[in-house]
């Protein structure tokens, strides 16, 4: 998605930016993402005094592995997006407190910024449900489906020798 700054500034009205992006290559390195759908992008480029503000929303449907039981779980993620872009002029100085992304040319590719925002909004610990019981650490059984006979007693291996000290 190429955005031309001067074109947006000269029109003086918001320009809609709608697209569907394939993010399968972006998710290849993530083991918790089992599959993804396309990223639906609905943005507007709005002129603001030599700055172009790109804002809107993205959404994606993905299938994650639950962090507790490893079962697949479908998740719909809505990602808000808002960034401001400006052409970098060598003699101008941008104030430090101004939150503007400087671009070298009049045009720039918006996709890397969209991908970064998507990665930041994906669930860090995806769960199939809030009350997921997870896997048994001893036998590996899914505690949501069956109750295993393993004892829930955990003994610190450093203190295991002391356990037999008080047996009578």
N, C-alpha and C. Protein backbone atom coordinates (compact mmCIF):
# COMPACT_ATOMS: atom_id res chain seq x y z
N UNK A 1 0.85 -1.17 0.00
CA UNK A 1 0.00 0.00 0.00
C UNK A 1 0.89 1.23 0.00
N UNK A 2 0.98 1.86 -1.13
CA UNK A 2 1.81 3.05 -1.29
C UNK A 2 0.95 4.28 -1.01
N UNK A 3 1.45 5.15 -0.15
CA UNK A 3 0.78 6.42 0.15
C UNK A 3 1.66 7.54 -0.36
N UNK A 4 1.08 8.44 -1.12
CA UNK A 4 1.79 9.60 -1.65
C UNK A 4 1.36 10.83 -0.83
N UNK A 5 2.30 11.39 -0.11
CA UNK A 5 2.01 12.47 0.83
C UNK A 5 1.49 13.71 0.12
N UNK A 6 2.17 14.14 -0.93
CA UNK A 6 1.75 15.36 -1.64
C UNK A 6 0.36 15.20 -2.26
N UNK A 7 0.04 14.02 -2.72
CA UNK A 7 -1.28 13.77 -3.31
C UNK A 7 -2.38 13.93 -2.26
N UNK A 8 -2.13 13.39 -1.06
CA UNK A 8 -3.12 13.52 0.02
C UNK A 8 -3.25 14.97 0.46
N UNK A 9 -2.12 15.67 0.58
CA UNK A 9 -2.16 17.07 1.00
C UNK A 9 -2.83 17.96 -0.04
N UNK A 10 -2.61 17.68 -1.32
CA UNK A 10 -3.19 18.53 -2.37
C UNK A 10 -4.70 18.32 -2.51
N UNK A 11 -5.19 17.13 -2.27
CA UNK A 11 -6.63 16.88 -2.37
C UNK A 11 -7.39 17.56 -1.25
N UNK A 12 -6.80 17.58 -0.06
CA UNK A 12 -7.43 18.29 1.06
C UNK A 12 -8.58 17.57 1.72
N UNK A 13 -8.90 16.36 1.28
CA UNK A 13 -9.98 15.58 1.88
C UNK A 13 -9.44 14.20 2.24
N UNK A 14 -10.07 13.55 3.19
CA UNK A 14 -9.61 12.20 3.55
C UNK A 14 -9.72 11.23 2.37
N UNK A 15 -8.71 10.39 2.23
CA UNK A 15 -8.69 9.39 1.16
C UNK A 15 -8.80 8.02 1.81
N UNK A 16 -9.82 7.23 1.41
CA UNK A 16 -9.95 5.89 2.00
C UNK A 16 -8.87 4.95 1.48
N UNK A 17 -8.35 4.13 2.37
CA UNK A 17 -7.35 3.12 2.03
C UNK A 17 -7.89 1.77 2.52
N UNK A 18 -8.42 0.99 1.60
CA UNK A 18 -8.96 -0.32 1.94
C UNK A 18 -8.17 -1.37 1.20
N UNK A 19 -7.81 -2.44 1.90
CA UNK A 19 -7.05 -3.51 1.28
C UNK A 19 -7.20 -4.79 2.10
N UNK A 20 -6.82 -5.87 1.47
CA UNK A 20 -6.75 -7.17 2.14
C UNK A 20 -5.33 -7.68 1.94
N UNK A 21 -4.62 -7.90 3.05
CA UNK A 21 -3.22 -8.30 2.98
C UNK A 21 -3.04 -9.73 3.47
N UNK A 22 -2.17 -10.46 2.80
CA UNK A 22 -1.81 -11.81 3.21
C UNK A 22 -0.65 -11.70 4.19
N UNK A 23 -0.83 -12.19 5.41
CA UNK A 23 0.20 -12.09 6.44
C UNK A 23 0.75 -13.47 6.83
N UNK A 24 0.59 -14.45 5.96
CA UNK A 24 1.07 -15.80 6.26
C UNK A 24 2.58 -15.82 6.45
N UNK A 25 3.33 -15.10 5.62
CA UNK A 25 4.79 -15.06 5.77
C UNK A 25 5.21 -14.38 7.07
N UNK A 26 4.46 -13.41 7.50
CA UNK A 26 4.75 -12.71 8.75
C UNK A 26 4.59 -13.63 9.96
N UNK A 27 3.65 -14.57 9.89
CA UNK A 27 3.35 -15.45 11.01
C UNK A 27 4.14 -16.76 10.99
N UNK A 28 4.99 -16.96 10.00
CA UNK A 28 5.73 -18.23 9.90
C UNK A 28 6.58 -18.54 11.11
N UNK A 29 7.18 -17.57 11.72
CA UNK A 29 8.06 -17.79 12.85
C UNK A 29 7.35 -18.03 14.17
N UNK A 30 6.07 -17.83 14.22
CA UNK A 30 5.32 -17.97 15.48
C UNK A 30 4.72 -19.36 15.58
N UNK A 31 5.10 -20.10 16.59
CA UNK A 31 4.60 -21.46 16.78
C UNK A 31 3.18 -21.49 17.34
N UNK A 32 2.77 -20.43 18.02
CA UNK A 32 1.43 -20.42 18.59
C UNK A 32 0.35 -20.08 17.58
N UNK A 33 0.74 -19.57 16.41
CA UNK A 33 -0.24 -19.25 15.36
C UNK A 33 -0.33 -20.44 14.43
N UNK A 34 -1.47 -21.11 14.43
CA UNK A 34 -1.66 -22.29 13.61
C UNK A 34 -2.08 -21.93 12.19
N UNK A 35 -2.95 -20.95 12.05
CA UNK A 35 -3.34 -20.45 10.73
C UNK A 35 -3.93 -19.06 10.86
N UNK A 36 -3.86 -18.32 9.76
CA UNK A 36 -4.42 -16.96 9.76
C UNK A 36 -5.22 -16.74 8.49
N UNK A 37 -6.16 -15.85 8.61
CA UNK A 37 -6.89 -15.40 7.44
C UNK A 37 -6.23 -14.14 6.93
N UNK A 38 -6.82 -13.50 5.96
CA UNK A 38 -6.25 -12.24 5.46
C UNK A 38 -6.48 -11.10 6.46
N UNK A 39 -5.60 -10.12 6.40
CA UNK A 39 -5.72 -8.93 7.23
C UNK A 39 -6.57 -7.91 6.48
N UNK A 40 -7.73 -7.59 7.03
CA UNK A 40 -8.63 -6.61 6.41
C UNK A 40 -8.26 -5.22 6.93
N UNK A 41 -7.91 -4.33 6.01
CA UNK A 41 -7.44 -2.99 6.37
C UNK A 41 -8.47 -1.96 5.92
N UNK A 42 -8.92 -1.12 6.86
CA UNK A 42 -9.86 -0.04 6.59
C UNK A 42 -9.31 1.24 7.22
N UNK A 43 -8.61 2.03 6.40
CA UNK A 43 -7.95 3.23 6.91
C UNK A 43 -8.36 4.44 6.10
N UNK A 44 -8.02 5.62 6.62
CA UNK A 44 -8.20 6.89 5.91
C UNK A 44 -6.94 7.71 6.07
N UNK A 45 -6.49 8.28 4.96
CA UNK A 45 -5.34 9.20 4.98
C UNK A 45 -5.91 10.62 4.98
N UNK A 46 -5.63 11.35 6.05
CA UNK A 46 -6.20 12.68 6.23
C UNK A 46 -5.08 13.72 6.26
N UNK A 47 -5.21 14.80 5.47
CA UNK A 47 -4.19 15.86 5.50
C UNK A 47 -4.32 16.72 6.75
N UNK A 48 -3.15 17.06 7.33
CA UNK A 48 -3.11 17.93 8.52
C UNK A 48 -1.87 18.80 8.44
N UNK A 49 -1.90 19.94 7.84
CA UNK A 49 -0.81 20.92 7.81
C UNK A 49 0.56 20.28 7.59
N UNK A 50 0.84 19.88 6.39
CA UNK A 50 2.09 19.26 5.94
C UNK A 50 2.35 17.87 6.54
N UNK A 51 1.36 17.34 7.23
CA UNK A 51 1.45 16.00 7.82
C UNK A 51 0.25 15.19 7.35
N UNK A 52 0.47 13.92 7.07
CA UNK A 52 -0.63 13.03 6.69
C UNK A 52 -0.87 12.07 7.83
N UNK A 53 -2.11 12.08 8.32
CA UNK A 53 -2.49 11.17 9.39
C UNK A 53 -3.23 9.99 8.78
N UNK A 54 -2.71 8.79 9.04
CA UNK A 54 -3.35 7.57 8.57
C UNK A 54 -3.94 6.88 9.79
N UNK A 55 -5.27 6.73 9.80
CA UNK A 55 -5.94 6.16 10.95
C UNK A 55 -7.08 5.27 10.50
N UNK A 56 -7.42 4.34 11.35
CA UNK A 56 -8.52 3.43 11.06
C UNK A 56 -8.37 2.16 11.86
N UNK A 57 -8.80 1.07 11.24
CA UNK A 57 -8.81 -0.20 11.94
C UNK A 57 -8.45 -1.34 11.00
N UNK A 58 -7.83 -2.36 11.56
CA UNK A 58 -7.54 -3.59 10.84
C UNK A 58 -8.15 -4.73 11.64
N UNK A 59 -8.45 -5.83 10.96
CA UNK A 59 -8.97 -7.00 11.67
C UNK A 59 -8.49 -8.26 10.98
N UNK A 60 -8.36 -9.30 11.79
CA UNK A 60 -7.89 -10.59 11.28
C UNK A 60 -8.51 -11.70 12.11
N UNK A 61 -8.78 -12.82 11.45
CA UNK A 61 -9.22 -14.03 12.13
C UNK A 61 -8.05 -15.00 12.09
N UNK A 62 -7.72 -15.56 13.25
CA UNK A 62 -6.58 -16.47 13.33
C UNK A 62 -6.91 -17.63 14.26
N UNK A 63 -6.17 -18.71 14.09
CA UNK A 63 -6.30 -19.87 14.96
C UNK A 63 -4.99 -20.00 15.73
N UNK A 64 -5.09 -19.95 17.05
CA UNK A 64 -3.93 -20.04 17.94
C UNK A 64 -3.97 -21.36 18.70
N UNK A 65 -2.82 -21.78 19.20
CA UNK A 65 -2.74 -22.88 20.14
C UNK A 65 -2.91 -22.30 21.53
N UNK A 66 -3.83 -22.86 22.30
CA UNK A 66 -4.06 -22.38 23.66
C UNK A 66 -2.77 -22.52 24.46
N UNK A 67 -2.44 -21.53 25.24
CA UNK A 67 -1.20 -21.53 26.00
C UNK A 67 -1.21 -22.51 27.17
N UNK A 68 -2.38 -22.98 27.57
CA UNK A 68 -2.45 -23.91 28.69
C UNK A 68 -2.66 -25.36 28.25
N UNK A 69 -3.58 -25.60 27.29
CA UNK A 69 -3.91 -26.98 26.92
C UNK A 69 -3.49 -27.34 25.50
N UNK A 70 -2.98 -26.39 24.73
CA UNK A 70 -2.50 -26.58 23.36
C UNK A 70 -3.59 -26.91 22.35
N UNK A 71 -4.86 -26.82 22.73
CA UNK A 71 -5.95 -27.02 21.78
C UNK A 71 -6.06 -25.78 20.89
N UNK A 72 -6.51 -25.99 19.66
CA UNK A 72 -6.65 -24.85 18.76
C UNK A 72 -7.86 -24.02 19.16
N UNK A 73 -7.69 -22.71 19.06
CA UNK A 73 -8.76 -21.79 19.42
C UNK A 73 -8.80 -20.64 18.42
N UNK A 74 -9.98 -20.35 17.92
CA UNK A 74 -10.16 -19.27 16.95
C UNK A 74 -10.26 -17.94 17.68
N UNK A 75 -9.56 -16.95 17.16
CA UNK A 75 -9.54 -15.62 17.78
C UNK A 75 -9.74 -14.57 16.68
N UNK A 76 -10.60 -13.61 16.96
CA UNK A 76 -10.78 -12.45 16.07
C UNK A 76 -10.06 -11.28 16.73
N UNK A 77 -9.14 -10.65 16.00
CA UNK A 77 -8.34 -9.56 16.56
C UNK A 77 -8.66 -8.28 15.79
N UNK A 78 -9.08 -7.25 16.52
CA UNK A 78 -9.28 -5.92 15.96
C UNK A 78 -8.09 -5.07 16.37
N UNK A 79 -7.47 -4.41 15.39
CA UNK A 79 -6.26 -3.63 15.64
C UNK A 79 -6.51 -2.17 15.27
N UNK A 80 -6.50 -1.26 16.24
CA UNK A 80 -6.60 0.16 15.88
C UNK A 80 -5.25 0.63 15.31
N UNK A 81 -5.31 1.57 14.39
CA UNK A 81 -4.09 2.08 13.77
C UNK A 81 -4.19 3.58 13.64
N UNK A 82 -3.14 4.28 14.05
CA UNK A 82 -3.08 5.73 13.90
C UNK A 82 -1.61 6.16 13.91
N UNK A 83 -1.17 6.68 12.79
CA UNK A 83 0.20 7.18 12.65
C UNK A 83 0.17 8.46 11.83
N UNK A 84 1.19 9.30 12.05
CA UNK A 84 1.32 10.54 11.29
C UNK A 84 2.64 10.49 10.54
N UNK A 85 2.60 10.89 9.27
CA UNK A 85 3.77 10.82 8.40
C UNK A 85 4.07 12.20 7.81
N UNK A 86 5.38 12.47 7.62
CA UNK A 86 5.81 13.74 7.06
C UNK A 86 7.07 13.50 6.26
N UNK A 87 7.22 14.25 5.17
CA UNK A 87 8.44 14.15 4.37
C UNK A 87 9.57 14.82 5.13
N UNK A 88 10.70 14.13 5.23
CA UNK A 88 11.87 14.67 5.94
C UNK A 88 12.55 15.70 5.06
N UNK A 89 12.63 16.91 5.56
CA UNK A 89 13.31 18.00 4.86
C UNK A 89 14.60 18.28 5.64
N UNK A 90 15.76 18.26 4.96
CA UNK A 90 17.04 18.39 5.68
C UNK A 90 17.15 19.63 6.56
N UNK A 91 16.64 20.77 6.10
CA UNK A 91 16.82 21.99 6.88
C UNK A 91 15.78 22.18 7.99
N UNK A 92 14.74 21.35 8.00
CA UNK A 92 13.72 21.51 9.04
C UNK A 92 14.06 20.63 10.24
N UNK A 93 13.65 21.10 11.38
CA UNK A 93 13.87 20.38 12.63
C UNK A 93 12.50 20.03 13.20
N UNK A 94 12.31 18.75 13.48
CA UNK A 94 11.05 18.30 14.05
C UNK A 94 11.19 18.31 15.56
N UNK A 95 10.27 18.94 16.27
CA UNK A 95 10.33 18.93 17.73
C UNK A 95 10.33 17.50 18.26
N UNK A 96 11.05 17.29 19.36
CA UNK A 96 11.19 15.95 19.92
C UNK A 96 9.85 15.39 20.39
N UNK A 97 8.98 16.25 20.92
CA UNK A 97 7.72 15.77 21.45
C UNK A 97 6.69 15.47 20.37
N UNK A 98 6.96 15.83 19.13
CA UNK A 98 6.02 15.59 18.05
C UNK A 98 6.13 14.14 17.58
N UNK A 99 4.99 13.46 17.55
CA UNK A 99 4.95 12.04 17.21
C UNK A 99 4.66 11.89 15.72
N UNK A 100 5.70 12.09 14.90
CA UNK A 100 5.58 12.02 13.45
C UNK A 100 6.66 11.10 12.92
N UNK A 101 6.29 10.26 11.97
CA UNK A 101 7.27 9.39 11.31
C UNK A 101 7.77 10.13 10.08
N UNK A 102 9.08 10.35 10.02
CA UNK A 102 9.68 11.04 8.89
C UNK A 102 10.00 10.02 7.80
N UNK A 103 9.58 10.33 6.56
CA UNK A 103 9.86 9.47 5.42
C UNK A 103 10.78 10.22 4.45
N UNK A 104 11.63 9.49 3.76
CA UNK A 104 12.63 10.09 2.89
C UNK A 104 12.04 10.68 1.61
N UNK A 105 11.07 10.00 1.03
CA UNK A 105 10.49 10.45 -0.24
C UNK A 105 9.06 10.90 -0.03
N UNK A 106 8.46 11.34 -1.12
CA UNK A 106 7.07 11.77 -1.09
C UNK A 106 6.14 10.58 -0.91
N UNK A 107 6.59 9.40 -1.28
CA UNK A 107 5.75 8.20 -1.15
C UNK A 107 6.43 7.22 -0.20
N UNK A 108 5.60 6.40 0.45
CA UNK A 108 6.11 5.39 1.37
C UNK A 108 5.17 4.20 1.37
N UNK A 109 5.72 3.06 1.76
CA UNK A 109 4.94 1.84 1.85
C UNK A 109 4.38 1.72 3.26
N UNK A 110 3.08 1.57 3.37
CA UNK A 110 2.40 1.51 4.65
C UNK A 110 2.43 0.11 5.27
N UNK A 111 2.71 -0.92 4.47
CA UNK A 111 2.62 -2.31 4.94
C UNK A 111 3.51 -2.61 6.14
N UNK A 112 4.78 -2.20 6.19
CA UNK A 112 5.59 -2.52 7.39
C UNK A 112 5.00 -1.93 8.68
N UNK A 113 4.40 -0.78 8.61
CA UNK A 113 3.79 -0.16 9.79
C UNK A 113 2.54 -0.93 10.21
N UNK A 114 1.78 -1.42 9.23
CA UNK A 114 0.60 -2.22 9.54
C UNK A 114 0.99 -3.55 10.16
N UNK A 115 2.03 -4.18 9.62
CA UNK A 115 2.48 -5.46 10.17
C UNK A 115 2.99 -5.31 11.60
N UNK A 116 3.72 -4.24 11.85
CA UNK A 116 4.23 -4.00 13.20
C UNK A 116 3.09 -3.81 14.19
N UNK A 117 2.10 -3.06 13.81
CA UNK A 117 0.95 -2.83 14.68
C UNK A 117 0.19 -4.13 14.92
N UNK A 118 0.05 -4.95 13.88
CA UNK A 118 -0.63 -6.24 14.03
C UNK A 118 0.11 -7.12 15.03
N UNK A 119 1.42 -7.23 14.90
CA UNK A 119 2.20 -8.07 15.80
C UNK A 119 2.10 -7.61 17.25
N UNK A 120 2.01 -6.30 17.45
CA UNK A 120 1.90 -5.78 18.81
C UNK A 120 0.53 -6.04 19.44
N UNK A 121 -0.49 -6.25 18.61
CA UNK A 121 -1.84 -6.44 19.13
C UNK A 121 -2.28 -7.91 19.18
N UNK A 122 -1.45 -8.83 18.72
CA UNK A 122 -1.81 -10.24 18.82
C UNK A 122 -1.78 -10.66 20.29
N UNK A 123 -2.65 -11.57 20.69
CA UNK A 123 -2.66 -11.98 22.10
C UNK A 123 -1.34 -12.63 22.50
N UNK A 124 -0.80 -12.21 23.62
CA UNK A 124 0.47 -12.73 24.11
C UNK A 124 0.30 -14.15 24.65
N UNK A 125 -0.80 -14.38 25.35
CA UNK A 125 -1.12 -15.69 25.91
C UNK A 125 -2.53 -16.05 25.46
N UNK A 126 -2.68 -16.65 24.27
CA UNK A 126 -4.03 -17.01 23.82
C UNK A 126 -4.60 -18.16 24.64
N UNK A 127 -5.85 -18.06 25.03
CA UNK A 127 -6.51 -19.10 25.82
C UNK A 127 -7.79 -19.54 25.13
N UNK A 128 -8.10 -20.85 25.24
CA UNK A 128 -9.35 -21.34 24.66
C UNK A 128 -10.53 -20.85 25.49
N UNK A 129 -10.34 -20.72 26.81
CA UNK A 129 -11.33 -20.12 27.70
C UNK A 129 -10.60 -19.63 28.94
N UNK A 130 -11.20 -18.71 29.65
CA UNK A 130 -10.55 -18.14 30.84
C UNK A 130 -10.36 -19.17 31.94
N UNK A 131 -11.23 -20.18 31.99
CA UNK A 131 -11.12 -21.20 33.04
C UNK A 131 -10.46 -22.49 32.53
N UNK A 132 -9.61 -22.39 31.53
CA UNK A 132 -8.88 -23.54 30.98
C UNK A 132 -7.98 -24.12 32.08
N UNK A 133 -8.06 -25.43 32.27
CA UNK A 133 -7.29 -26.10 33.32
C UNK A 133 -5.91 -26.53 32.86
N UNK A 134 -5.68 -26.56 31.57
CA UNK A 134 -4.36 -26.88 31.04
C UNK A 134 -4.04 -28.36 31.03
N UNK A 135 -2.77 -28.68 30.88
CA UNK A 135 -2.28 -30.05 30.83
C UNK A 135 -1.71 -30.45 32.18
N UNK A 136 -1.83 -31.74 32.52
CA UNK A 136 -1.23 -32.27 33.74
C UNK A 136 0.29 -32.28 33.55
N UNK A 137 1.04 -31.73 34.49
CA UNK A 137 2.50 -31.72 34.33
C UNK A 137 3.15 -33.09 34.48
N UNK A 138 2.42 -34.05 35.04
CA UNK A 138 3.00 -35.38 35.23
C UNK A 138 2.70 -36.31 34.06
N UNK A 139 1.42 -36.44 33.69
CA UNK A 139 1.07 -37.40 32.63
C UNK A 139 0.73 -36.75 31.30
N UNK A 140 0.51 -35.45 31.27
CA UNK A 140 0.22 -34.74 30.03
C UNK A 140 -1.22 -34.77 29.60
N UNK A 141 -2.12 -35.29 30.42
CA UNK A 141 -3.54 -35.36 30.07
C UNK A 141 -4.15 -33.95 30.07
N UNK A 142 -5.10 -33.74 29.17
CA UNK A 142 -5.81 -32.48 29.11
C UNK A 142 -6.82 -32.46 30.25
N UNK A 143 -6.63 -31.60 31.22
CA UNK A 143 -7.49 -31.55 32.40
C UNK A 143 -8.89 -31.02 32.09
N UNK A 144 -9.09 -30.41 30.92
CA UNK A 144 -10.42 -29.96 30.53
C UNK A 144 -11.28 -31.15 30.09
N UNK A 145 -10.66 -32.21 29.58
CA UNK A 145 -11.39 -33.35 29.06
C UNK A 145 -11.51 -34.50 30.05
N UNK A 146 -10.49 -34.71 30.85
CA UNK A 146 -10.48 -35.84 31.77
C UNK A 146 -9.78 -35.46 33.07
N UNK A 147 -10.11 -36.18 34.11
CA UNK A 147 -9.45 -35.97 35.39
C UNK A 147 -8.46 -37.11 35.58
N UNK A 148 -7.20 -36.82 35.54
CA UNK A 148 -6.18 -37.86 35.70
C UNK A 148 -6.00 -38.17 37.18
N UNK A 149 -5.39 -39.28 37.49
CA UNK A 149 -5.21 -39.70 38.87
C UNK A 149 -3.91 -39.22 39.48
N UNK A 150 -3.24 -38.32 38.83
CA UNK A 150 -1.95 -37.84 39.33
C UNK A 150 -2.16 -36.97 40.57
N UNK A 151 -1.23 -37.08 41.50
CA UNK A 151 -1.34 -36.26 42.71
C UNK A 151 -0.91 -34.83 42.38
N UNK A 152 -1.59 -33.91 42.96
CA UNK A 152 -1.28 -32.50 42.72
C UNK A 152 -0.20 -31.98 43.66
N UNK A 153 0.35 -32.87 44.48
CA UNK A 153 1.35 -32.48 45.45
C UNK A 153 2.69 -32.25 44.76
N UNK A 154 3.23 -31.10 44.98
CA UNK A 154 4.53 -30.76 44.40
C UNK A 154 5.54 -30.60 45.52
N UNK A 155 6.63 -31.29 45.36
CA UNK A 155 7.70 -31.20 46.36
C UNK A 155 8.93 -30.65 45.67
N UNK A 156 9.50 -29.65 46.31
CA UNK A 156 10.74 -29.08 45.78
C UNK A 156 11.81 -30.16 45.82
N UNK A 157 12.46 -30.48 44.69
CA UNK A 157 13.45 -31.56 44.69
C UNK A 157 14.62 -31.31 45.65
N UNK A 158 14.86 -30.09 46.01
CA UNK A 158 15.94 -29.79 46.95
C UNK A 158 15.56 -30.19 48.37
N UNK A 159 14.24 -30.27 48.62
CA UNK A 159 13.76 -30.61 49.96
C UNK A 159 13.21 -32.02 50.03
N UNK A 160 13.31 -32.81 48.98
CA UNK A 160 12.73 -34.15 48.94
C UNK A 160 13.31 -35.06 50.01
N UNK A 161 14.58 -34.91 50.34
CA UNK A 161 15.20 -35.75 51.37
C UNK A 161 14.61 -35.48 52.74
N UNK A 162 14.13 -34.27 53.00
CA UNK A 162 13.53 -33.94 54.28
C UNK A 162 12.14 -34.54 54.46
N UNK A 163 11.50 -34.93 53.36
CA UNK A 163 10.15 -35.49 53.42
C UNK A 163 10.14 -36.79 54.22
N UNK A 164 11.15 -37.61 54.04
CA UNK A 164 11.21 -38.90 54.74
C UNK A 164 11.72 -38.77 56.16
N UNK A 165 12.21 -37.64 56.56
CA UNK A 165 12.78 -37.43 57.90
C UNK A 165 11.72 -37.56 59.00
N UNK A 166 10.50 -37.11 58.76
CA UNK A 166 9.48 -37.09 59.80
C UNK A 166 8.48 -38.24 59.69
N UNK A 167 8.76 -39.29 58.89
CA UNK A 167 7.86 -40.44 58.78
C UNK A 167 7.99 -41.32 60.01
N UNK A 168 6.89 -41.69 60.63
CA UNK A 168 6.86 -42.62 61.78
C UNK A 168 5.62 -43.44 61.75
